[in-house]
ModelCIF file with pLDDT and N, C-alpha, C, O atoms, coordinates in Angstrom:
data_MODEL
#
_entry.id   MODEL 
#
_entity.id                         1 
_entity.type                       polymer 
_entity.pdbx_number_of_molecules   1 
#
_entity_poly.entity_id                      1 
_entity_poly.type                           'polypeptide(L)' 
_entity_poly.nstd_linkage                   no 
_entity_poly.nstd_monomer                   no 
_entity_poly.pdbx_seq_one_letter_code       NFANGASAWFRQAPGKAREGVACISRPGFTTYDL 
_entity_poly.pdbx_seq_one_letter_code_can   NFANGASAWFRQAPGKAREGVACISRPGFTTYDL 
_entity_poly.pdbx_strand_id                 A 
#
loop_
_entity_poly_seq.entity_id 
_entity_poly_seq.num 
_entity_poly_seq.mon_id 
_entity_poly_seq.hetero 
1 1  ASN n 
1 2  PHE n 
1 3  ALA n 
1 4  ASN n 
1 5  GLY n 
1 6  ALA n 
1 7  SER n 
1 8  ALA n 
1 9  TRP n 
1 10 PHE n 
1 11 ARG n 
1 12 GLN n 
1 13 ALA n 
1 14 PRO n 
1 15 GLY n 
1 16 LYS n 
1 17 ALA n 
1 18 ARG n 
1 19 GLU n 
1 20 GLY n 
1 21 VAL n 
1 22 ALA n 
1 23 CYS n 
1 24 ILE n 
1 25 SER n 
1 26 ARG n 
1 27 PRO n 
1 28 GLY n 
1 29 PHE n 
1 30 THR n 
1 31 THR n 
1 32 TYR n 
1 33 ASP n 
1 34 LEU n 
#
_struct_asym.id          A 
_struct_asym.entity_id   1 
#
loop_
_ma_qa_metric.id 
_ma_qa_metric.mode 
_ma_qa_metric.name 
_ma_qa_metric.software_group_id 
_ma_qa_metric.type 
1 global pLDDT . pLDDT 
2 local  pLDDT . pLDDT 
#
_ma_qa_metric_global.metric_id      1 
_ma_qa_metric_global.metric_value   95.76 
_ma_qa_metric_global.model_id       1 
_ma_qa_metric_global.ordinal_id     1 
#
loop_
_ma_qa_metric_local.label_asym_id 
_ma_qa_metric_local.label_comp_id 
_ma_qa_metric_local.label_seq_id 
_ma_qa_metric_local.metric_id 
_ma_qa_metric_local.metric_value 
_ma_qa_metric_local.model_id 
_ma_qa_metric_local.ordinal_id 
A ASN 1  2 92.00 1 1  
A PHE 2  2 94.00 1 2  
A ALA 3  2 93.00 1 3  
A ASN 4  2 93.00 1 4  
A GLY 5  2 95.00 1 5  
A ALA 6  2 97.00 1 6  
A SER 7  2 97.00 1 7  
A ALA 8  2 98.00 1 8  
A TRP 9  2 98.00 1 9  
A PHE 10 2 98.00 1 10 
A ARG 11 2 98.00 1 11 
A GLN 12 2 97.00 1 12 
A ALA 13 2 97.00 1 13 
A PRO 14 2 91.00 1 14 
A GLY 15 2 94.00 1 15 
A LYS 16 2 95.00 1 16 
A ALA 17 2 95.00 1 17 
A ARG 18 2 96.00 1 18 
A GLU 19 2 96.00 1 19 
A GLY 20 2 97.00 1 20 
A VAL 21 2 97.00 1 21 
A ALA 22 2 98.00 1 22 
A CYS 23 2 98.00 1 23 
A ILE 24 2 98.00 1 24 
A SER 25 2 97.00 1 25 
A ARG 26 2 96.00 1 26 
A PRO 27 2 96.00 1 27 
A GLY 28 2 96.00 1 28 
A PHE 29 2 97.00 1 29 
A THR 30 2 97.00 1 30 
A THR 31 2 96.00 1 31 
A TYR 32 2 96.00 1 32 
A ASP 33 2 93.00 1 33 
A LEU 34 2 90.00 1 34 
#
loop_
_atom_site.group_PDB 
_atom_site.id 
_atom_site.type_symbol 
_atom_site.label_atom_id 
_atom_site.label_alt_id 
_atom_site.label_comp_id 
_atom_site.label_asym_id 
_atom_site.label_entity_id 
_atom_site.label_seq_id 
_atom_site.pdbx_PDB_ins_code 
_atom_site.Cartn_x 
_atom_site.Cartn_y 
_atom_site.Cartn_z 
_atom_site.occupancy 
_atom_site.B_iso_or_equiv 
_atom_site.pdbx_formal_charge 
_atom_site.auth_seq_id 
_atom_site.auth_comp_id 
_atom_site.auth_asym_id 
_atom_site.auth_atom_id 
_atom_site.pdbx_PDB_model_num 
ATOM 1   N N  . ASN A 1 1  ? -91.175  -90.414  -13.196 1.00 92.00 ? 1  ASN A N  1 
ATOM 2   C CA . ASN A 1 1  ? -89.634  -90.248  -12.268 1.00 92.00 ? 1  ASN A CA 1 
ATOM 3   C C  . ASN A 1 1  ? -90.228  -90.445  -11.027 1.00 92.00 ? 1  ASN A C  1 
ATOM 4   O O  . ASN A 1 1  ? -91.011  -89.533  -10.762 1.00 92.00 ? 1  ASN A O  1 
ATOM 5   N N  . PHE A 1 2  ? -90.118  -91.550  -9.922  1.00 94.00 ? 2  PHE A N  1 
ATOM 6   C CA . PHE A 1 2  ? -90.157  -91.846  -8.696  1.00 94.00 ? 2  PHE A CA 1 
ATOM 7   C C  . PHE A 1 2  ? -90.010  -90.496  -7.752  1.00 94.00 ? 2  PHE A C  1 
ATOM 8   O O  . PHE A 1 2  ? -90.736  -90.053  -6.862  1.00 94.00 ? 2  PHE A O  1 
ATOM 9   N N  . ALA A 1 3  ? -88.541  -89.946  -8.423  1.00 93.00 ? 3  ALA A N  1 
ATOM 10  C CA . ALA A 1 3  ? -88.203  -88.286  -7.793  1.00 93.00 ? 3  ALA A CA 1 
ATOM 11  C C  . ALA A 1 3  ? -89.539  -87.111  -7.646  1.00 93.00 ? 3  ALA A C  1 
ATOM 12  O O  . ALA A 1 3  ? -89.642  -86.303  -6.724  1.00 93.00 ? 3  ALA A O  1 
ATOM 13  N N  . ASN A 1 4  ? -90.653  -87.287  -8.990  1.00 93.00 ? 4  ASN A N  1 
ATOM 14  C CA . ASN A 1 4  ? -91.278  -86.256  -8.877  1.00 93.00 ? 4  ASN A CA 1 
ATOM 15  C C  . ASN A 1 4  ? -92.895  -86.490  -8.068  1.00 93.00 ? 4  ASN A C  1 
ATOM 16  O O  . ASN A 1 4  ? -93.942  -85.862  -8.222  1.00 93.00 ? 4  ASN A O  1 
ATOM 17  N N  . GLY A 1 5  ? -92.548  -87.722  -7.125  1.00 95.00 ? 5  GLY A N  1 
ATOM 18  C CA . GLY A 1 5  ? -94.086  -87.800  -6.354  1.00 95.00 ? 5  GLY A CA 1 
ATOM 19  C C  . GLY A 1 5  ? -93.643  -88.658  -5.085  1.00 95.00 ? 5  GLY A C  1 
ATOM 20  O O  . GLY A 1 5  ? -92.518  -88.982  -4.704  1.00 95.00 ? 5  GLY A O  1 
ATOM 21  N N  . ALA A 1 6  ? -94.407  -88.814  -4.769  1.00 97.00 ? 6  ALA A N  1 
ATOM 22  C CA . ALA A 1 6  ? -93.989  -89.910  -3.157  1.00 97.00 ? 6  ALA A CA 1 
ATOM 23  C C  . ALA A 1 6  ? -94.524  -91.554  -3.942  1.00 97.00 ? 6  ALA A C  1 
ATOM 24  O O  . ALA A 1 6  ? -95.440  -91.759  -4.738  1.00 97.00 ? 6  ALA A O  1 
ATOM 25  N N  . SER A 1 7  ? -93.687  -92.364  -3.424  1.00 97.00 ? 7  SER A N  1 
ATOM 26  C CA . SER A 1 7  ? -93.912  -93.412  -3.628  1.00 97.00 ? 7  SER A CA 1 
ATOM 27  C C  . SER A 1 7  ? -94.372  -95.156  -2.773  1.00 97.00 ? 7  SER A C  1 
ATOM 28  O O  . SER A 1 7  ? -94.447  -95.146  -1.545  1.00 97.00 ? 7  SER A O  1 
ATOM 29  N N  . ALA A 1 8  ? -94.527  -95.941  -3.214  1.00 98.00 ? 8  ALA A N  1 
ATOM 30  C CA . ALA A 1 8  ? -94.825  -96.941  -1.946  1.00 98.00 ? 8  ALA A CA 1 
ATOM 31  C C  . ALA A 1 8  ? -94.858  -98.549  -2.256  1.00 98.00 ? 8  ALA A C  1 
ATOM 32  O O  . ALA A 1 8  ? -95.054  -99.023  -3.375  1.00 98.00 ? 8  ALA A O  1 
ATOM 33  N N  . TRP A 1 9  ? -94.681  -99.132  -1.325  1.00 98.00 ? 9  TRP A N  1 
ATOM 34  C CA . TRP A 1 9  ? -94.735  -100.457 -1.427  1.00 98.00 ? 9  TRP A CA 1 
ATOM 35  C C  . TRP A 1 9  ? -96.206  -101.075 -0.851  1.00 98.00 ? 9  TRP A C  1 
ATOM 36  O O  . TRP A 1 9  ? -96.489  -100.767 0.307   1.00 98.00 ? 9  TRP A O  1 
ATOM 37  N N  . PHE A 1 10 ? -97.025  -101.812 -1.495  1.00 98.00 ? 10 PHE A N  1 
ATOM 38  C CA . PHE A 1 10 ? -98.227  -102.421 -0.583  1.00 98.00 ? 10 PHE A CA 1 
ATOM 39  C C  . PHE A 1 10 ? -97.734  -103.874 -1.119  1.00 98.00 ? 10 PHE A C  1 
ATOM 40  O O  . PHE A 1 10 ? -96.839  -104.063 -1.942  1.00 98.00 ? 10 PHE A O  1 
ATOM 41  N N  . ARG A 1 11 ? -98.533  -104.870 -0.455  1.00 98.00 ? 11 ARG A N  1 
ATOM 42  C CA . ARG A 1 11 ? -98.648  -106.253 -0.610  1.00 98.00 ? 11 ARG A CA 1 
ATOM 43  C C  . ARG A 1 11 ? -100.197 -106.969 -0.193  1.00 98.00 ? 11 ARG A C  1 
ATOM 44  O O  . ARG A 1 11 ? -101.118 -106.519 0.489   1.00 98.00 ? 11 ARG A O  1 
ATOM 45  N N  . GLN A 1 12 ? -100.068 -108.022 -0.779  1.00 97.00 ? 12 GLN A N  1 
ATOM 46  C CA . GLN A 1 12 ? -101.130 -108.993 -0.540  1.00 97.00 ? 12 GLN A CA 1 
ATOM 47  C C  . GLN A 1 12 ? -100.926 -110.126 -0.498  1.00 97.00 ? 12 GLN A C  1 
ATOM 48  O O  . GLN A 1 12 ? -100.218 -110.748 -1.290  1.00 97.00 ? 12 GLN A O  1 
ATOM 49  N N  . ALA A 1 13 ? -101.541 -110.584 0.473   1.00 97.00 ? 13 ALA A N  1 
ATOM 50  C CA . ALA A 1 13 ? -101.134 -112.383 0.849   1.00 97.00 ? 13 ALA A CA 1 
ATOM 51  C C  . ALA A 1 13 ? -102.368 -113.351 0.205   1.00 97.00 ? 13 ALA A C  1 
ATOM 52  O O  . ALA A 1 13 ? -103.276 -112.574 0.502   1.00 97.00 ? 13 ALA A O  1 
ATOM 53  N N  . PRO A 1 14 ? -102.900 -114.204 -0.298  1.00 91.00 ? 14 PRO A N  1 
ATOM 54  C CA . PRO A 1 14 ? -103.687 -115.074 -0.712  1.00 91.00 ? 14 PRO A CA 1 
ATOM 55  C C  . PRO A 1 14 ? -105.017 -114.928 0.479   1.00 91.00 ? 14 PRO A C  1 
ATOM 56  O O  . PRO A 1 14 ? -104.692 -114.898 1.666   1.00 91.00 ? 14 PRO A O  1 
ATOM 57  N N  . GLY A 1 15 ? -106.178 -114.861 0.187   1.00 94.00 ? 15 GLY A N  1 
ATOM 58  C CA . GLY A 1 15 ? -107.233 -114.038 0.283   1.00 94.00 ? 15 GLY A CA 1 
ATOM 59  C C  . GLY A 1 15 ? -107.449 -113.504 1.713   1.00 94.00 ? 15 GLY A C  1 
ATOM 60  O O  . GLY A 1 15 ? -108.292 -113.858 2.536   1.00 94.00 ? 15 GLY A O  1 
ATOM 61  N N  . LYS A 1 16 ? -106.169 -112.258 1.845   1.00 95.00 ? 16 LYS A N  1 
ATOM 62  C CA . LYS A 1 16 ? -106.322 -111.486 2.719   1.00 95.00 ? 16 LYS A CA 1 
ATOM 63  C C  . LYS A 1 16 ? -106.307 -109.835 1.812   1.00 95.00 ? 16 LYS A C  1 
ATOM 64  O O  . LYS A 1 16 ? -105.424 -109.705 0.964   1.00 95.00 ? 16 LYS A O  1 
ATOM 65  N N  . ALA A 1 17 ? -107.098 -108.884 1.996   1.00 95.00 ? 17 ALA A N  1 
ATOM 66  C CA . ALA A 1 17 ? -106.680 -107.901 2.052   1.00 95.00 ? 17 ALA A CA 1 
ATOM 67  C C  . ALA A 1 17 ? -105.486 -106.818 1.383   1.00 95.00 ? 17 ALA A C  1 
ATOM 68  O O  . ALA A 1 17 ? -104.393 -107.363 1.535   1.00 95.00 ? 17 ALA A O  1 
ATOM 69  N N  . ARG A 1 18 ? -105.379 -105.901 0.915   1.00 96.00 ? 18 ARG A N  1 
ATOM 70  C CA . ARG A 1 18 ? -103.913 -105.290 0.366   1.00 96.00 ? 18 ARG A CA 1 
ATOM 71  C C  . ARG A 1 18 ? -103.488 -104.374 1.546   1.00 96.00 ? 18 ARG A C  1 
ATOM 72  O O  . ARG A 1 18 ? -104.406 -103.703 2.019   1.00 96.00 ? 18 ARG A O  1 
ATOM 73  N N  . GLU A 1 19 ? -102.409 -104.244 2.037   1.00 96.00 ? 19 GLU A N  1 
ATOM 74  C CA . GLU A 1 19 ? -102.642 -103.827 2.595   1.00 96.00 ? 19 GLU A CA 1 
ATOM 75  C C  . GLU A 1 19 ? -101.181 -102.512 2.389   1.00 96.00 ? 19 GLU A C  1 
ATOM 76  O O  . GLU A 1 19 ? -100.571 -102.544 1.320   1.00 96.00 ? 19 GLU A O  1 
ATOM 77  N N  . GLY A 1 20 ? -100.798 -101.556 3.368   1.00 97.00 ? 20 GLY A N  1 
ATOM 78  C CA . GLY A 1 20 ? -100.062 -100.688 3.196   1.00 97.00 ? 20 GLY A CA 1 
ATOM 79  C C  . GLY A 1 20 ? -98.572  -101.395 3.519   1.00 97.00 ? 20 GLY A C  1 
ATOM 80  O O  . GLY A 1 20 ? -98.469  -102.172 4.469   1.00 97.00 ? 20 GLY A O  1 
ATOM 81  N N  . VAL A 1 21 ? -97.630  -101.129 2.816   1.00 97.00 ? 21 VAL A N  1 
ATOM 82  C CA . VAL A 1 21 ? -96.364  -101.745 3.714   1.00 97.00 ? 21 VAL A CA 1 
ATOM 83  C C  . VAL A 1 21 ? -95.096  -100.087 4.060   1.00 97.00 ? 21 VAL A C  1 
ATOM 84  O O  . VAL A 1 21 ? -94.744  -99.750  5.191   1.00 97.00 ? 21 VAL A O  1 
ATOM 85  N N  . ALA A 1 22 ? -94.772  -99.535  3.061   1.00 98.00 ? 22 ALA A N  1 
ATOM 86  C CA . ALA A 1 22 ? -93.826  -98.356  3.284   1.00 98.00 ? 22 ALA A CA 1 
ATOM 87  C C  . ALA A 1 22 ? -94.323  -97.643  2.013   1.00 98.00 ? 22 ALA A C  1 
ATOM 88  O O  . ALA A 1 22 ? -94.932  -98.263  1.141   1.00 98.00 ? 22 ALA A O  1 
ATOM 89  N N  . CYS A 1 23 ? -94.012  -96.130  1.912   1.00 98.00 ? 23 CYS A N  1 
ATOM 90  C CA . CYS A 1 23 ? -93.845  -95.344  1.789   1.00 98.00 ? 23 CYS A CA 1 
ATOM 91  C C  . CYS A 1 23 ? -92.596  -94.077  1.525   1.00 98.00 ? 23 CYS A C  1 
ATOM 92  O O  . CYS A 1 23 ? -91.938  -93.812  2.530   1.00 98.00 ? 23 CYS A O  1 
ATOM 93  N N  . ILE A 1 24 ? -92.311  -93.435  0.467   1.00 98.00 ? 24 ILE A N  1 
ATOM 94  C CA . ILE A 1 24 ? -91.790  -92.676  0.739   1.00 98.00 ? 24 ILE A CA 1 
ATOM 95  C C  . ILE A 1 24 ? -92.142  -90.932  -0.358  1.00 98.00 ? 24 ILE A C  1 
ATOM 96  O O  . ILE A 1 24 ? -92.290  -90.789  -1.572  1.00 98.00 ? 24 ILE A O  1 
ATOM 97  N N  . SER A 1 25 ? -92.153  -90.260  0.398   1.00 97.00 ? 25 SER A N  1 
ATOM 98  C CA . SER A 1 25 ? -92.376  -88.959  -0.165  1.00 97.00 ? 25 SER A CA 1 
ATOM 99  C C  . SER A 1 25 ? -91.443  -88.274  -0.879  1.00 97.00 ? 25 SER A C  1 
ATOM 100 O O  . SER A 1 25 ? -90.267  -88.600  -0.721  1.00 97.00 ? 25 SER A O  1 
ATOM 101 N N  . ARG A 1 26 ? -91.759  -87.255  -1.749  1.00 96.00 ? 26 ARG A N  1 
ATOM 102 C CA . ARG A 1 26 ? -90.859  -86.348  -2.943  1.00 96.00 ? 26 ARG A CA 1 
ATOM 103 C C  . ARG A 1 26 ? -89.752  -86.125  -2.616  1.00 96.00 ? 26 ARG A C  1 
ATOM 104 O O  . ARG A 1 26 ? -88.751  -86.192  -3.329  1.00 96.00 ? 26 ARG A O  1 
ATOM 105 N N  . PRO A 1 27 ? -89.837  -85.750  -1.171  1.00 96.00 ? 27 PRO A N  1 
ATOM 106 C CA . PRO A 1 27 ? -89.048  -85.274  -0.525  1.00 96.00 ? 27 PRO A CA 1 
ATOM 107 C C  . PRO A 1 27 ? -88.113  -86.119  0.522   1.00 96.00 ? 27 PRO A C  1 
ATOM 108 O O  . PRO A 1 27 ? -87.394  -85.703  1.431   1.00 96.00 ? 27 PRO A O  1 
ATOM 109 N N  . GLY A 1 28 ? -88.359  -87.362  0.103   1.00 96.00 ? 28 GLY A N  1 
ATOM 110 C CA . GLY A 1 28 ? -87.422  -88.408  0.877   1.00 96.00 ? 28 GLY A CA 1 
ATOM 111 C C  . GLY A 1 28 ? -88.181  -88.975  2.377   1.00 96.00 ? 28 GLY A C  1 
ATOM 112 O O  . GLY A 1 28 ? -87.904  -90.022  2.962   1.00 96.00 ? 28 GLY A O  1 
ATOM 113 N N  . PHE A 1 29 ? -89.034  -88.118  2.713   1.00 97.00 ? 29 PHE A N  1 
ATOM 114 C CA . PHE A 1 29 ? -89.181  -88.960  4.331   1.00 97.00 ? 29 PHE A CA 1 
ATOM 115 C C  . PHE A 1 29 ? -90.458  -90.305  4.174   1.00 97.00 ? 29 PHE A C  1 
ATOM 116 O O  . PHE A 1 29 ? -91.515  -90.284  3.544   1.00 97.00 ? 29 PHE A O  1 
ATOM 117 N N  . THR A 1 30 ? -89.823  -91.446  5.049   1.00 97.00 ? 30 THR A N  1 
ATOM 118 C CA . THR A 1 30 ? -90.397  -92.519  4.806   1.00 97.00 ? 30 THR A CA 1 
ATOM 119 C C  . THR A 1 30 ? -91.096  -92.797  5.683   1.00 97.00 ? 30 THR A C  1 
ATOM 120 O O  . THR A 1 30 ? -90.500  -92.519  6.723   1.00 97.00 ? 30 THR A O  1 
ATOM 121 N N  . THR A 1 31 ? -92.240  -93.279  5.924   1.00 96.00 ? 31 THR A N  1 
ATOM 122 C CA . THR A 1 31 ? -93.358  -94.167  6.755   1.00 96.00 ? 31 THR A CA 1 
ATOM 123 C C  . THR A 1 31 ? -93.333  -95.339  6.327   1.00 96.00 ? 31 THR A C  1 
ATOM 124 O O  . THR A 1 31 ? -92.959  -95.695  5.209   1.00 96.00 ? 31 THR A O  1 
ATOM 125 N N  . TYR A 1 32 ? -93.819  -96.150  7.386   1.00 96.00 ? 32 TYR A N  1 
ATOM 126 C CA . TYR A 1 32 ? -93.890  -97.417  7.626   1.00 96.00 ? 32 TYR A CA 1 
ATOM 127 C C  . TYR A 1 32 ? -95.586  -97.936  8.284   1.00 96.00 ? 32 TYR A C  1 
ATOM 128 O O  . TYR A 1 32 ? -95.831  -97.676  9.462   1.00 96.00 ? 32 TYR A O  1 
ATOM 129 N N  . ASP A 1 33 ? -96.554  -98.592  7.497   1.00 93.00 ? 33 ASP A N  1 
ATOM 130 C CA . ASP A 1 33 ? -97.844  -98.551  7.769   1.00 93.00 ? 33 ASP A CA 1 
ATOM 131 C C  . ASP A 1 33 ? -97.694  -99.717  8.691   1.00 93.00 ? 33 ASP A C  1 
ATOM 132 O O  . ASP A 1 33 ? -98.703  -99.676  9.396   1.00 93.00 ? 33 ASP A O  1 
ATOM 133 N N  . LEU A 1 34 ? -96.924  -100.790 9.074   1.00 90.00 ? 34 LEU A N  1 
ATOM 134 C CA . LEU A 1 34 ? -97.244  -101.651 9.545   1.00 90.00 ? 34 LEU A CA 1 
ATOM 135 C C  . LEU A 1 34 ? -95.795  -102.055 10.883  1.00 90.00 ? 34 LEU A C  1 
ATOM 136 O O  . LEU A 1 34 ? -95.888  -103.042 11.613  1.00 90.00 ? 34 LEU A O  1 
#
């Protein structure tokens, strides 16, 4: 369950490294890497 821990979105463009996009902690706090 997403409610049991932190969840995030990553993305990867062709020929590029994977990068973090956004994350939401278990308590619901959000952060954005880019």
